[in-house]
Amino acid sequence: MKAGAVEQIKQQLLELKSELQAQDEVYRDSGNTVELDQTRVGRISRMDAIQAQQMALESARRRQHQMKKIEGALHRLESGEYGYCFACGEKIALQRLAAEPTATRCIECVE
């Protein structure tokens, strides 16, 4: 893999990681416990708040999953194992890595 391409992918991964960390900061309080004080919030509003809380928790779970994929890709870049398919061991096409820098399988093995 070309050194320029590797550096570009590394920058892309670091930018994705930074964006996810920023989103975590913004949505940190969204998963807090919903207060069930009936004098302050009506039943429907509480249900909406609980639904919003669950959606926030799922979003946080997805961000954490994506963060693990990014950190794995960065580790593979550092160790020289980046760009090889986990299933068949062949090189993953540069176009695929540019589109999905955390990819661990070549297109043939994905299909």
PDB file of N, CA and C in Angstrom:
ATOM      1  N   MET A   1       0.849  -1.171   0.000  1.00  0.00           N
ATOM      2  CA  MET A   1       0.000   0.000   0.000  1.00  0.00           C
ATOM      3  C   MET A   1       0.897   1.237   0.000  1.00  0.00           C
ATOM      4  N   LYS A   2       0.514   2.239  -0.748  1.00  0.00           N
ATOM      5  CA  LYS A   2       1.300   3.459  -0.867  1.00  0.00           C
ATOM      6  C   LYS A   2       1.306   4.221   0.450  1.00  0.00           C
ATOM      7  N   ALA A   3       2.471   4.815   0.760  1.00  0.00           N
ATOM      8  CA  ALA A   3       2.620   5.546   2.024  1.00  0.00           C
ATOM      9  C   ALA A   3       1.640   6.713   2.104  1.00  0.00           C
ATOM     10  N   GLY A   4       1.423   7.417   0.993  1.00  0.00           N
ATOM     11  CA  GLY A   4       0.488   8.539   0.986  1.00  0.00           C
ATOM     12  C   GLY A   4      -0.933   8.096   1.269  1.00  0.00           C
ATOM     13  N   ALA A   5      -1.306   6.942   0.709  1.00  0.00           N
ATOM     14  CA  ALA A   5      -2.651   6.409   0.926  1.00  0.00           C
ATOM     15  C   ALA A   5      -2.831   5.996   2.385  1.00  0.00           C
ATOM     16  N   VAL A   6      -1.792   5.391   2.952  1.00  0.00           N
ATOM     17  CA  VAL A   6      -1.860   4.967   4.353  1.00  0.00           C
ATOM     18  C   VAL A   6      -2.016   6.181   5.257  1.00  0.00           C
ATOM     19  N   GLU A   7      -1.253   7.227   4.987  1.00  0.00           N
ATOM     20  CA  GLU A   7      -1.343   8.430   5.806  1.00  0.00           C
ATOM     21  C   GLU A   7      -2.717   9.084   5.676  1.00  0.00           C
ATOM     22  N   GLN A   8      -3.279   9.073   4.472  1.00  0.00           N
ATOM     23  CA  GLN A   8      -4.603   9.649   4.254  1.00  0.00           C
ATOM     24  C   GLN A   8      -5.665   8.853   5.015  1.00  0.00           C
ATOM     25  N   ILE A   9      -5.559   7.530   4.982  1.00  0.00           N
ATOM     26  CA  ILE A   9      -6.513   6.684   5.708  1.00  0.00           C
ATOM     27  C   ILE A   9      -6.355   6.887   7.211  1.00  0.00           C
ATOM     28  N   LYS A  10      -5.114   7.005   7.666  1.00  0.00           N
ATOM     29  CA  LYS A  10      -4.876   7.238   9.090  1.00  0.00           C
ATOM     30  C   LYS A  10      -5.519   8.552   9.527  1.00  0.00           C
ATOM     31  N   GLN A  11      -5.376   9.608   8.719  1.00  0.00           N
ATOM     32  CA  GLN A  11      -6.003  10.890   9.031  1.00  0.00           C
ATOM     33  C   GLN A  11      -7.519  10.757   9.064  1.00  0.00           C
ATOM     34  N   GLN A  12      -8.064  10.002   8.115  1.00  0.00           N
ATOM     35  CA  GLN A  12      -9.508   9.782   8.065  1.00  0.00           C
ATOM     36  C   GLN A  12      -9.974   9.078   9.340  1.00  0.00           C
ATOM     37  N   LEU A  13      -9.238   8.071   9.778  1.00  0.00           N
ATOM     38  CA  LEU A  13      -9.585   7.346  11.002  1.00  0.00           C
ATOM     39  C   LEU A  13      -9.512   8.262  12.228  1.00  0.00           C
ATOM     40  N   LEU A  14      -8.473   9.082  12.295  1.00  0.00           N
ATOM     41  CA  LEU A  14      -8.326   9.986  13.429  1.00  0.00           C
ATOM     42  C   LEU A  14      -9.437  11.037  13.452  1.00  0.00           C
ATOM     43  N   GLU A  15      -9.860  11.494  12.282  1.00  0.00           N
ATOM     44  CA  GLU A  15     -10.970  12.447  12.208  1.00  0.00           C
ATOM     45  C   GLU A  15     -12.278  11.796  12.658  1.00  0.00           C
ATOM     46  N   LEU A  16     -12.506  10.558  12.223  1.00  0.00           N
ATOM     47  CA  LEU A  16     -13.708   9.832  12.654  1.00  0.00           C
ATOM     48  C   LEU A  16     -13.709   9.650  14.163  1.00  0.00           C
ATOM     49  N   LYS A  17     -12.558   9.299  14.705  1.00  0.00           N
ATOM     50  CA  LYS A  17     -12.436   9.107  16.155  1.00  0.00           C
ATOM     51  C   LYS A  17     -12.734  10.404  16.893  1.00  0.00           C
ATOM     52  N   SER A  18     -12.200  11.498  16.396  1.00  0.00           N
ATOM     53  CA  SER A  18     -12.430  12.805  17.008  1.00  0.00           C
ATOM     54  C   SER A  18     -13.909  13.185  16.958  1.00  0.00           C
ATOM     55  N   GLU A  19     -14.567  12.925  15.831  1.00  0.00           N
ATOM     56  CA  GLU A  19     -16.000  13.213  15.703  1.00  0.00           C
ATOM     57  C   GLU A  19     -16.818  12.403  16.698  1.00  0.00           C
ATOM     58  N   LEU A  20     -16.482  11.122  16.849  1.00  0.00           N
ATOM     59  CA  LEU A  20     -17.214  10.279  17.799  1.00  0.00           C
ATOM     60  C   LEU A  20     -17.019  10.755  19.227  1.00  0.00           C
ATOM     61  N   GLN A  21     -15.803  11.154  19.561  1.00  0.00           N
ATOM     62  CA  GLN A  21     -15.547  11.665  20.906  1.00  0.00           C
ATOM     63  C   GLN A  21     -16.330  12.954  21.157  1.00  0.00           C
ATOM     64  N   ALA A  22     -16.413  13.813  20.144  1.00  0.00           N
ATOM     65  CA  ALA A  22     -17.180  15.049  20.282  1.00  0.00           C
ATOM     66  C   ALA A  22     -18.668  14.740  20.467  1.00  0.00           C
ATOM     67  N   GLN A  23     -19.179  13.759  19.723  1.00  0.00           N
ATOM     68  CA  GLN A  23     -20.584  13.371  19.878  1.00  0.00           C
ATOM     69  C   GLN A  23     -20.841  12.814  21.270  1.00  0.00           C
ATOM     70  N   ASP A  24     -19.906  12.052  21.805  1.00  0.00           N
ATOM     71  CA  ASP A  24     -20.061  11.526  23.160  1.00  0.00           C
ATOM     72  C   ASP A  24     -20.184  12.669  24.162  1.00  0.00           C
ATOM     73  N   GLU A  25     -19.402  13.712  23.988  1.00  0.00           N
ATOM     74  CA  GLU A  25     -19.468  14.869  24.884  1.00  0.00           C
ATOM     75  C   GLU A  25     -20.838  15.541  24.796  1.00  0.00           C
ATOM     76  N   VAL A  26     -21.338  15.712  23.586  1.00  0.00           N
ATOM     77  CA  VAL A  26     -22.617  16.401  23.378  1.00  0.00           C
ATOM     78  C   VAL A  26     -23.773  15.600  23.975  1.00  0.00           C
ATOM     79  N   TYR A  27     -23.764  14.291  23.770  1.00  0.00           N
ATOM     80  CA  TYR A  27     -24.899  13.452  24.175  1.00  0.00           C
ATOM     81  C   TYR A  27     -24.696  12.744  25.507  1.00  0.00           C
ATOM     82  N   ARG A  28     -23.699  13.147  26.253  1.00  0.00           N
ATOM     83  CA  ARG A  28     -23.365  12.453  27.506  1.00  0.00           C
ATOM     84  C   ARG A  28     -24.547  12.362  28.468  1.00  0.00           C
ATOM     85  N   ASP A  29     -25.313  13.419  28.631  1.00  0.00           N
ATOM     86  CA  ASP A  29     -26.410  13.443  29.607  1.00  0.00           C
ATOM     87  C   ASP A  29     -27.708  12.851  29.069  1.00  0.00           C
ATOM     88  N   SER A  30     -27.763  12.504  27.795  1.00  0.00           N
ATOM     89  CA  SER A  30     -28.999  12.000  27.192  1.00  0.00           C
ATOM     90  C   SER A  30     -29.425  10.657  27.759  1.00  0.00           C
ATOM     91  N   GLY A  31     -28.493   9.893  28.279  1.00  0.00           N
ATOM     92  CA  GLY A  31     -28.825   8.572  28.798  1.00  0.00           C
ATOM     93  C   GLY A  31     -29.106   8.555  30.282  1.00  0.00           C
ATOM     94  N   ASN A  32     -29.174   9.724  30.905  1.00  0.00           N
ATOM     95  CA  ASN A  32     -29.463   9.781  32.341  1.00  0.00           C
ATOM     96  C   ASN A  32     -30.837   9.211  32.644  1.00  0.00           C
ATOM     97  N   THR A  33     -31.027   8.796  33.872  1.00  0.00           N
ATOM     98  CA  THR A  33     -32.284   8.224  34.320  1.00  0.00           C
ATOM     99  C   THR A  33     -33.415   9.226  34.155  1.00  0.00           C
ATOM    100  N   VAL A  34     -34.527   8.749  33.657  1.00  0.00           N
ATOM    101  CA  VAL A  34     -35.710   9.588  33.491  1.00  0.00           C
ATOM    102  C   VAL A  34     -36.412   9.699  34.832  1.00  0.00           C
ATOM    103  N   GLU A  35     -36.677  10.920  35.230  1.00  0.00           N
ATOM    104  CA  GLU A  35     -37.349  11.157  36.502  1.00  0.00           C
ATOM    105  C   GLU A  35     -38.826  10.820  36.358  1.00  0.00           C
ATOM    106  N   LEU A  36     -39.360  10.088  37.304  1.00  0.00           N
ATOM    107  CA  LEU A  36     -40.748   9.641  37.232  1.00  0.00           C
ATOM    108  C   LEU A  36     -41.646  10.422  38.187  1.00  0.00           C
ATOM    109  N   ASP A  37     -41.397  11.685  38.361  1.00  0.00           N
ATOM    110  CA  ASP A  37     -42.202  12.548  39.211  1.00  0.00           C
ATOM    111  C   ASP A  37     -43.460  12.962  38.435  1.00  0.00           C
ATOM    112  N   GLN A  38     -44.607  12.402  38.794  1.00  0.00           N
ATOM    113  CA  GLN A  38     -45.839  12.651  38.051  1.00  0.00           C
ATOM    114  C   GLN A  38     -46.347  14.077  38.205  1.00  0.00           C
ATOM    115  N   THR A  39     -45.882  14.784  39.190  1.00  0.00           N
ATOM    116  CA  THR A  39     -46.333  16.158  39.345  1.00  0.00           C
ATOM    117  C   THR A  39     -45.631  17.085  38.361  1.00  0.00           C
ATOM    118  N   ARG A  40     -44.493  16.676  37.852  1.00  0.00           N
ATOM    119  CA  ARG A  40     -43.731  17.519  36.923  1.00  0.00           C
ATOM    120  C   ARG A  40     -43.976  17.155  35.467  1.00  0.00           C
ATOM    121  N   VAL A  41     -44.170  15.885  35.194  1.00  0.00           N
ATOM    122  CA  VAL A  41     -44.262  15.435  33.809  1.00  0.00           C
ATOM    123  C   VAL A  41     -45.460  14.509  33.674  1.00  0.00           C
ATOM    124  N   GLY A  42     -46.243  14.710  32.632  1.00  0.00           N
ATOM    125  CA  GLY A  42     -47.383  13.838  32.393  1.00  0.00           C
ATOM    126  C   GLY A  42     -46.939  12.466  31.914  1.00  0.00           C
ATOM    127  N   ARG A  43     -47.876  11.545  31.889  1.00  0.00           N
ATOM    128  CA  ARG A  43     -47.575  10.162  31.516  1.00  0.00           C
ATOM    129  C   ARG A  43     -47.002  10.065  30.106  1.00  0.00           C
ATOM    130  N   ILE A  44     -47.603  10.753  29.143  1.00  0.00           N
ATOM    131  CA  ILE A  44     -47.131  10.703  27.760  1.00  0.00           C
ATOM    132  C   ILE A  44     -45.735  11.304  27.659  1.00  0.00           C
ATOM    133  N   SER A  45     -45.503  12.403  28.349  1.00  0.00           N
ATOM    134  CA  SER A  45     -44.188  13.049  28.322  1.00  0.00           C
ATOM    135  C   SER A  45     -43.116  12.130  28.892  1.00  0.00           C
ATOM    136  N   ARG A  46     -43.466  11.402  29.959  1.00  0.00           N
ATOM    137  CA  ARG A  46     -42.513  10.444  30.535  1.00  0.00           C
ATOM    138  C   ARG A  46     -42.195   9.356  29.543  1.00  0.00           C
ATOM    139  N   MET A  47     -43.214   8.874  28.830  1.00  0.00           N
ATOM    140  CA  MET A  47     -42.997   7.822  27.834  1.00  0.00           C
ATOM    141  C   MET A  47     -42.094   8.338  26.725  1.00  0.00           C
ATOM    142  N   ASP A  48     -42.313   9.573  26.302  1.00  0.00           N
ATOM    143  CA  ASP A  48     -41.444  10.178  25.296  1.00  0.00           C
ATOM    144  C   ASP A  48     -40.014  10.297  25.810  1.00  0.00           C
ATOM    145  N   ALA A  49     -39.886  10.702  27.069  1.00  0.00           N
ATOM    146  CA  ALA A  49     -38.558  10.850  27.663  1.00  0.00           C
ATOM    147  C   ALA A  49     -37.848   9.503  27.764  1.00  0.00           C
ATOM    148  N   ILE A  50     -38.577   8.466  28.120  1.00  0.00           N
ATOM    149  CA  ILE A  50     -37.987   7.128  28.208  1.00  0.00           C
ATOM    150  C   ILE A  50     -37.568   6.643  26.828  1.00  0.00           C
ATOM    151  N   GLN A  51     -38.408   6.890  25.820  1.00  0.00           N
ATOM    152  CA  GLN A  51     -38.060   6.502  24.463  1.00  0.00           C
ATOM    153  C   GLN A  51     -36.810   7.260  23.999  1.00  0.00           C
ATOM    154  N   ALA A  52     -36.741   8.547  24.264  1.00  0.00           N
ATOM    155  CA  ALA A  52     -35.575   9.351  23.889  1.00  0.00           C
ATOM    156  C   ALA A  52     -34.322   8.842  24.601  1.00  0.00           C
ATOM    157  N   GLN A  53     -34.496   8.442  25.874  1.00  0.00           N
ATOM    158  CA  GLN A  53     -33.374   7.907  26.632  1.00  0.00           C
ATOM    159  C   GLN A  53     -32.860   6.617  26.000  1.00  0.00           C
ATOM    160  N   GLN A  54     -33.769   5.729  25.622  1.00  0.00           N
ATOM    161  CA  GLN A  54     -33.365   4.465  25.013  1.00  0.00           C
ATOM    162  C   GLN A  54     -32.676   4.687  23.666  1.00  0.00           C
ATOM    163  N   MET A  55     -33.170   5.645  22.901  1.00  0.00           N
ATOM    164  CA  MET A  55     -32.536   5.964  21.620  1.00  0.00           C
ATOM    165  C   MET A  55     -31.131   6.523  21.845  1.00  0.00           C
ATOM    166  N   ALA A  56     -30.972   7.347  22.877  1.00  0.00           N
ATOM    167  CA  ALA A  56     -29.660   7.906  23.198  1.00  0.00           C
ATOM    168  C   ALA A  56     -28.692   6.812  23.633  1.00  0.00           C
ATOM    169  N   LEU A  57     -29.184   5.862  24.424  1.00  0.00           N
ATOM    170  CA  LEU A  57     -28.334   4.752  24.869  1.00  0.00           C
ATOM    171  C   LEU A  57     -27.899   3.887  23.693  1.00  0.00           C
ATOM    172  N   GLU A  58     -28.800   3.632  22.755  1.00  0.00           N
ATOM    173  CA  GLU A  58     -28.448   2.845  21.567  1.00  0.00           C
ATOM    174  C   GLU A  58     -27.441   3.597  20.701  1.00  0.00           C
ATOM    175  N   SER A  59     -27.624   4.894  20.568  1.00  0.00           N
ATOM    176  CA  SER A  59     -26.662   5.702  19.805  1.00  0.00           C
ATOM    177  C   SER A  59     -25.285   5.648  20.453  1.00  0.00           C
ATOM    178  N   ALA A  60     -25.248   5.715  21.768  1.00  0.00           N
ATOM    179  CA  ALA A  60     -23.976   5.640  22.490  1.00  0.00           C
ATOM    180  C   ALA A  60     -23.325   4.275  22.281  1.00  0.00           C
ATOM    181  N   ARG A  61     -24.133   3.217  22.289  1.00  0.00           N
ATOM    182  CA  ARG A  61     -23.593   1.871  22.066  1.00  0.00           C
ATOM    183  C   ARG A  61     -22.990   1.777  20.671  1.00  0.00           C
ATOM    184  N   ARG A  62     -23.677   2.332  19.686  1.00  0.00           N
ATOM    185  CA  ARG A  62     -23.171   2.306  18.309  1.00  0.00           C
ATOM    186  C   ARG A  62     -21.887   3.117  18.168  1.00  0.00           C
ATOM    187  N   ARG A  63     -21.819   4.266  18.858  1.00  0.00           N
ATOM    188  CA  ARG A  63     -20.590   5.062  18.806  1.00  0.00           C
ATOM    189  C   ARG A  63     -19.431   4.297  19.424  1.00  0.00           C
ATOM    190  N   GLN A  64     -19.687   3.602  20.528  1.00  0.00           N
ATOM    191  CA  GLN A  64     -18.631   2.810  21.165  1.00  0.00           C
ATOM    192  C   GLN A  64     -18.163   1.678  20.253  1.00  0.00           C
ATOM    193  N   HIS A  65     -19.095   1.038  19.568  1.00  0.00           N
ATOM    194  CA  HIS A  65     -18.746  -0.031  18.627  1.00  0.00           C
ATOM    195  C   HIS A  65     -17.880   0.515  17.492  1.00  0.00           C
ATOM    196  N   GLN A  66     -18.281   1.662  16.944  1.00  0.00           N
ATOM    197  CA  GLN A  66     -17.511   2.288  15.871  1.00  0.00           C
ATOM    198  C   GLN A  66     -16.132   2.698  16.382  1.00  0.00           C
ATOM    199  N   MET A  67     -16.054   3.186  17.612  1.00  0.00           N
ATOM    200  CA  MET A  67     -14.775   3.587  18.198  1.00  0.00           C
ATOM    201  C   MET A  67     -13.837   2.383  18.304  1.00  0.00           C
ATOM    202  N   LYS A  68     -14.363   1.229  18.689  1.00  0.00           N
ATOM    203  CA  LYS A  68     -13.541   0.020  18.766  1.00  0.00           C
ATOM    204  C   LYS A  68     -13.024  -0.382  17.396  1.00  0.00           C
ATOM    205  N   LYS A  69     -13.868  -0.250  16.369  1.00  0.00           N
ATOM    206  CA  LYS A  69     -13.441  -0.570  15.012  1.00  0.00           C
ATOM    207  C   LYS A  69     -12.332   0.382  14.557  1.00  0.00           C
ATOM    208  N   ILE A  70     -12.465   1.657  14.881  1.00  0.00           N
ATOM    209  CA  ILE A  70     -11.457   2.644  14.506  1.00  0.00           C
ATOM    210  C   ILE A  70     -10.145   2.371  15.226  1.00  0.00           C
ATOM    211  N   GLU A  71     -10.222   2.098  16.518  1.00  0.00           N
ATOM    212  CA  GLU A  71      -9.004   1.821  17.278  1.00  0.00           C
ATOM    213  C   GLU A  71      -8.327   0.544  16.786  1.00  0.00           C
ATOM    214  N   GLY A  72      -9.118  -0.447  16.380  1.00  0.00           N
ATOM    215  CA  GLY A  72      -8.548  -1.658  15.803  1.00  0.00           C
ATOM    216  C   GLY A  72      -7.828  -1.365  14.498  1.00  0.00           C
ATOM    217  N   ALA A  73      -8.426  -0.533  13.655  1.00  0.00           N
ATOM    218  CA  ALA A  73      -7.798  -0.169  12.384  1.00  0.00           C
ATOM    219  C   ALA A  73      -6.506   0.603  12.630  1.00  0.00           C
ATOM    220  N   LEU A  74      -6.523   1.521  13.595  1.00  0.00           N
ATOM    221  CA  LEU A  74      -5.303   2.274  13.915  1.00  0.00           C
ATOM    222  C   LEU A  74      -4.211   1.351  14.437  1.00  0.00           C
ATOM    223  N   HIS A  75      -4.588   0.383  15.237  1.00  0.00           N
ATOM    224  CA  HIS A  75      -3.615  -0.600  15.745  1.00  0.00           C
ATOM    225  C   HIS A  75      -3.022  -1.422  14.595  1.00  0.00           C
ATOM    226  N   ARG A  76      -3.886  -1.838  13.663  1.00  0.00           N
ATOM    227  CA  ARG A  76      -3.396  -2.603  12.514  1.00  0.00           C
ATOM    228  C   ARG A  76      -2.472  -1.755  11.646  1.00  0.00           C
ATOM    229  N   LEU A  77      -2.766  -0.456  11.531  1.00  0.00           N
ATOM    230  CA  LEU A  77      -1.886   0.442  10.780  1.00  0.00           C
ATOM    231  C   LEU A  77      -0.502   0.488  11.421  1.00  0.00           C
ATOM    232  N   GLU A  78      -0.470   0.617  12.735  1.00  0.00           N
ATOM    233  CA  GLU A  78       0.801   0.704  13.456  1.00  0.00           C
ATOM    234  C   GLU A  78       1.594  -0.603  13.371  1.00  0.00           C
ATOM    235  N   SER A  79       0.895  -1.718  13.374  1.00  0.00           N
ATOM    236  CA  SER A  79       1.586  -3.010  13.372  1.00  0.00           C
ATOM    237  C   SER A  79       1.902  -3.521  11.971  1.00  0.00           C
ATOM    238  N   GLY A  80       1.414  -2.818  10.946  1.00  0.00           N
ATOM    239  CA  GLY A  80       1.684  -3.239   9.575  1.00  0.00           C
ATOM    240  C   GLY A  80       0.726  -4.297   9.049  1.00  0.00           C
ATOM    241  N   GLU A  81      -0.332  -4.585   9.788  1.00  0.00           N
ATOM    242  CA  GLU A  81      -1.296  -5.605   9.381  1.00  0.00           C
ATOM    243  C   GLU A  81      -2.515  -5.001   8.686  1.00  0.00           C
ATOM    244  N   TYR A  82      -2.542  -3.697   8.533  1.00  0.00           N
ATOM    245  CA  TYR A  82      -3.703  -3.017   7.951  1.00  0.00           C
ATOM    246  C   TYR A  82      -3.793  -3.299   6.460  1.00  0.00           C
ATOM    247  N   GLY A  83      -5.025  -3.490   6.000  1.00  0.00           N
ATOM    248  CA  GLY A  83      -5.259  -3.655   4.570  1.00  0.00           C
ATOM    249  C   GLY A  83      -5.295  -5.096   4.102  1.00  0.00           C
ATOM    250  N   TYR A  84      -5.222  -6.034   5.032  1.00  0.00           N
ATOM    251  CA  TYR A  84      -5.297  -7.449   4.675  1.00  0.00           C
ATOM    252  C   TYR A  84      -6.582  -8.056   5.236  1.00  0.00           C
ATOM    253  N   CYS A  85      -7.209  -8.879   4.427  1.00  0.00           N
ATOM    254  CA  CYS A  85      -8.472  -9.510   4.789  1.00  0.00           C
ATOM    255  C   CYS A  85      -8.271 -10.496   5.938  1.00  0.00           C
ATOM    256  N   PHE A  86      -9.133 -10.422   6.938  1.00  0.00           N
ATOM    257  CA  PHE A  86      -9.087 -11.363   8.064  1.00  0.00           C
ATOM    258  C   PHE A  86      -9.449 -12.781   7.625  1.00  0.00           C
ATOM    259  N   ALA A  87     -10.299 -12.899   6.617  1.00  0.00           N
ATOM    260  CA  ALA A  87     -10.788 -14.217   6.197  1.00  0.00           C
ATOM    261  C   ALA A  87      -9.805 -14.933   5.268  1.00  0.00           C
ATOM    262  N   CYS A  88      -9.355 -14.264   4.193  1.00  0.00           N
ATOM    263  CA  CYS A  88      -8.520 -14.946   3.195  1.00  0.00           C
ATOM    264  C   CYS A  88      -7.068 -14.499   3.200  1.00  0.00           C
ATOM    265  N   GLY A  89      -6.761 -13.408   3.864  1.00  0.00           N
ATOM    266  CA  GLY A  89      -5.387 -12.929   3.953  1.00  0.00           C
ATOM    267  C   GLY A  89      -4.925 -12.093   2.768  1.00  0.00           C
ATOM    268  N   GLU A  90      -5.782 -11.927   1.771  1.00  0.00           N
ATOM    269  CA  GLU A  90      -5.422 -11.127   0.599  1.00  0.00           C
ATOM    270  C   GLU A  90      -5.553  -9.637   0.926  1.00  0.00           C
ATOM    271  N   LYS A  91      -4.930  -8.814   0.080  1.00  0.00           N
ATOM    272  CA  LYS A  91      -5.029  -7.369   0.270  1.00  0.00           C
ATOM    273  C   LYS A  91      -6.457  -6.906  -0.002  1.00  0.00           C
ATOM    274  N   ILE A  92      -6.909  -5.969   0.809  1.00  0.00           N
ATOM    275  CA  ILE A  92      -8.213  -5.335   0.600  1.00  0.00           C
ATOM    276  C   ILE A  92      -7.988  -4.180  -0.374  1.00  0.00           C
ATOM    277  N   ALA A  93      -8.873  -4.040  -1.346  1.00  0.00           N
ATOM    278  CA  ALA A  93      -8.731  -2.995  -2.356  1.00  0.00           C
ATOM    279  C   ALA A  93      -8.675  -1.617  -1.696  1.00  0.00           C
ATOM    280  N   LEU A  94      -7.794  -0.775  -2.207  1.00  0.00           N
ATOM    281  CA  LEU A  94      -7.623   0.567  -1.671  1.00  0.00           C
ATOM    282  C   LEU A  94      -8.917   1.373  -1.747  1.00  0.00           C
ATOM    283  N   GLN A  95      -9.707   1.162  -2.799  1.00  0.00           N
ATOM    284  CA  GLN A  95     -10.982   1.871  -2.925  1.00  0.00           C
ATOM    285  C   GLN A  95     -11.922   1.491  -1.788  1.00  0.00           C
ATOM    286  N   ARG A  96     -11.922   0.225  -1.414  1.00  0.00           N
ATOM    287  CA  ARG A  96     -12.771  -0.236  -0.309  1.00  0.00           C
ATOM    288  C   ARG A  96     -12.306   0.394   0.998  1.00  0.00           C
ATOM    289  N   LEU A  97     -11.011   0.435   1.214  1.00  0.00           N
ATOM    290  CA  LEU A  97     -10.486   1.015   2.445  1.00  0.00           C
ATOM    291  C   LEU A  97     -10.731   2.523   2.497  1.00  0.00           C
ATOM    292  N   ALA A  98     -10.696   3.174   1.348  1.00  0.00           N
ATOM    293  CA  ALA A  98     -10.974   4.609   1.319  1.00  0.00           C
ATOM    294  C   ALA A  98     -12.434   4.876   1.686  1.00  0.00           C
ATOM    295  N   ALA A  99     -13.322   4.004   1.223  1.00  0.00           N
ATOM    296  CA  ALA A  99     -14.750   4.158   1.517  1.00  0.00           C
ATOM    297  C   ALA A  99     -15.081   3.706   2.934  1.00  0.00           C
ATOM    298  N   GLU A 100     -14.448   2.651   3.398  1.00  0.00           N
ATOM    299  CA  GLU A 100     -14.691   2.091   4.737  1.00  0.00           C
ATOM    300  C   GLU A 100     -13.337   1.770   5.370  1.00  0.00           C
ATOM    301  N   PRO A 101     -12.704   2.762   6.019  1.00  0.00           N
ATOM    302  CA  PRO A 101     -11.351   2.558   6.539  1.00  0.00           C
ATOM    303  C   PRO A 101     -11.235   1.526   7.656  1.00  0.00           C
ATOM    304  N   THR A 102     -12.348   1.106   8.228  1.00  0.00           N
ATOM    305  CA  THR A 102     -12.294   0.090   9.282  1.00  0.00           C
ATOM    306  C   THR A 102     -12.551  -1.313   8.746  1.00  0.00           C
ATOM    307  N   ALA A 103     -12.650  -1.452   7.427  1.00  0.00           N
ATOM    308  CA  ALA A 103     -12.958  -2.761   6.822  1.00  0.00           C
ATOM    309  C   ALA A 103     -11.896  -3.798   7.196  1.00  0.00           C
ATOM    310  N   THR A 104     -12.367  -4.998   7.506  1.00  0.00           N
ATOM    311  CA  THR A 104     -11.453  -6.086   7.869  1.00  0.00           C
ATOM    312  C   THR A 104     -11.544  -7.254   6.891  1.00  0.00           C
ATOM    313  N   ARG A 105     -12.426  -7.144   5.905  1.00  0.00           N
ATOM    314  CA  ARG A 105     -12.577  -8.207   4.929  1.00  0.00           C
ATOM    315  C   ARG A 105     -12.615  -7.607   3.516  1.00  0.00           C
ATOM    316  N   CYS A 106     -12.059  -8.345   2.562  1.00  0.00           N
ATOM    317  CA  CYS A 106     -12.116  -7.913   1.179  1.00  0.00           C
ATOM    318  C   CYS A 106     -13.570  -8.076   0.676  1.00  0.00           C
ATOM    319  N   ILE A 107     -13.852  -7.476  -0.443  1.00  0.00           N
ATOM    320  CA  ILE A 107     -15.222  -7.485  -0.956  1.00  0.00           C
ATOM    321  C   ILE A 107     -15.679  -8.897  -1.290  1.00  0.00           C
ATOM    322  N   GLU A 108     -14.765  -9.739  -1.759  1.00  0.00           N
ATOM    323  CA  GLU A 108     -15.142 -11.109  -2.099  1.00  0.00           C
ATOM    324  C   GLU A 108     -15.581 -11.888  -0.849  1.00  0.00           C
ATOM    325  N   CYS A 109     -14.872 -11.700   0.241  1.00  0.00           N
ATOM    326  CA  CYS A 109     -15.215 -12.416   1.475  1.00  0.00           C
ATOM    327  C   CYS A 109     -16.461 -11.854   2.152  1.00  0.00           C
ATOM    328  N   VAL A 110     -16.737 -10.588   1.941  1.00  0.00           N
ATOM    329  CA  VAL A 110     -17.945  -9.985   2.498  1.00  0.00           C
ATOM    330  C   VAL A 110     -19.168 -10.553   1.802  1.00  0.00           C
ATOM    331  N   GLU A 111     -19.066 -10.706   0.482  1.00  0.00           N
ATOM    332  CA  GLU A 111     -20.213 -11.209  -0.283  1.00  0.00           C
ATOM    333  C   GLU A 111     -20.376 -12.676  -0.026  1.00  0.00           C
TER     334      GLU A 111
END
